[in-house]
Amino acid sequence: MAENDVIKNKQHLLKTQMAGLTKSKQVLDGLGRLEFLYSAPINAKNGDPCIVVQYSYYGSTSDVDFTAEYEGTWQTAFQTFTFPEDGLGN
């Protein structure tokens, strides 16, 4: 798979997350509502591609108005604890 092949790269991200363990990071807005959800394979390293879902709301309510999913970049700064490399304790 070519790294610059955007379609195959996104398909790879989705298939990997459907078939394997994942990790995620939630980022909240100023009102404590979910604004960004970053999701990546358990073995993702800093700078690896990940899936990002962004949420917007009706005014100051907690009712979701719109979501968009796109490719982002995983940051190891998201992780607040460490775990075995394969994510299975092996």
Protein backbone atom coordinates (compact mmCIF):
# COMPACT_ATOMS: atom_id res chain seq x y z
CA MET A 1 0.00 0.00 0.00
CA ALA A 2 1.37 3.33 -1.02
CA GLU A 3 1.50 5.86 1.80
CA ASN A 4 0.22 8.59 -0.52
CA ASP A 5 -2.80 6.55 -1.67
CA VAL A 6 -5.41 8.35 0.44
CA ILE A 7 -8.29 5.96 -0.30
CA LYS A 8 -6.34 2.80 0.54
CA ASN A 9 -4.84 4.45 3.62
CA LYS A 10 -8.32 5.33 4.95
CA GLN A 11 -9.61 1.84 4.14
CA HIS A 12 -6.65 0.39 6.02
CA LEU A 13 -7.39 2.57 9.07
CA LEU A 14 -11.04 1.52 9.15
CA LYS A 15 -10.35 -2.19 8.59
CA THR A 16 -7.64 -2.22 11.26
CA GLN A 17 -9.94 -0.63 13.83
CA MET A 18 -12.81 -2.97 12.96
CA ALA A 19 -10.68 -6.09 13.36
CA GLY A 20 -8.35 -5.15 16.20
CA LEU A 21 -7.92 -3.40 19.50
CA THR A 22 -8.06 0.39 19.55
CA LYS A 23 -7.29 3.36 21.75
CA SER A 24 -9.08 6.68 21.76
CA LYS A 25 -8.83 10.21 23.11
CA GLN A 26 -11.78 12.49 23.83
CA VAL A 27 -11.38 16.27 23.67
CA LEU A 28 -14.14 18.33 25.26
CA ASP A 29 -15.23 21.86 24.43
CA GLY A 30 -15.64 24.71 26.92
CA LEU A 31 -19.09 23.42 27.95
CA GLY A 32 -17.82 19.90 28.66
CA ARG A 33 -19.28 18.40 25.48
CA LEU A 34 -17.42 15.98 23.22
CA GLU A 35 -15.83 18.00 20.43
CA PHE A 36 -13.22 15.61 18.99
CA LEU A 37 -12.86 11.84 19.26
CA TYR A 38 -9.51 10.49 18.07
CA SER A 39 -9.35 6.73 17.46
CA ALA A 40 -6.34 4.64 16.42
CA PRO A 41 -5.08 1.06 16.42
CA ILE A 42 -3.66 0.06 19.81
CA ASN A 43 -0.10 0.01 18.41
CA ALA A 44 -0.27 3.50 16.81
CA LYS A 45 2.78 5.63 17.40
CA ASN A 46 3.21 9.41 17.47
CA GLY A 47 2.45 10.83 14.03
CA ASP A 48 0.57 7.76 12.75
CA PRO A 49 -2.73 8.35 10.98
CA CYS A 50 -5.92 8.02 13.01
CA ILE A 51 -9.63 8.62 12.60
CA VAL A 52 -11.09 11.83 14.01
CA VAL A 53 -14.79 12.49 14.55
CA GLN A 54 -15.70 16.13 15.18
CA TYR A 55 -19.02 17.12 16.76
CA SER A 56 -20.97 20.38 16.68
CA TYR A 57 -24.04 21.24 18.71
CA TYR A 58 -27.16 23.35 18.59
CA GLY A 59 -26.12 26.50 20.45
CA SER A 60 -25.23 25.74 24.07
CA THR A 61 -27.35 22.55 24.20
CA SER A 62 -25.99 19.02 24.37
CA ASP A 63 -27.94 18.08 21.22
CA VAL A 64 -25.64 17.08 18.36
CA ASP A 65 -26.23 19.11 15.20
CA PHE A 66 -23.50 17.76 12.91
CA THR A 67 -20.60 15.29 12.87
CA ALA A 68 -17.75 14.84 10.42
CA GLU A 69 -15.20 12.03 10.22
CA TYR A 70 -11.76 12.55 8.74
CA GLU A 71 -8.17 11.38 8.93
CA GLY A 72 -5.97 12.95 11.59
CA THR A 73 -2.68 12.31 13.36
CA TRP A 74 -2.27 10.32 16.58
CA GLN A 75 -0.22 12.02 19.30
CA THR A 76 1.40 10.04 22.08
CA ALA A 77 0.62 13.02 24.33
CA PHE A 78 -2.99 11.75 24.24
CA GLN A 79 -1.99 8.70 26.27
CA THR A 80 -2.17 9.03 30.05
CA PHE A 81 -0.80 5.56 30.77
CA THR A 82 1.38 2.96 29.10
CA PHE A 83 0.56 -0.60 28.18
CA PRO A 84 2.31 -3.57 26.54
CA GLU A 85 3.35 -3.05 22.92
CA ASP A 86 0.85 -5.53 21.50
CA GLY A 87 -1.97 -4.42 23.78
CA LEU A 88 -2.60 -7.98 24.94
CA GLY A 89 -0.16 -8.22 27.82
CA ASN A 90 2.26 -10.34 25.76
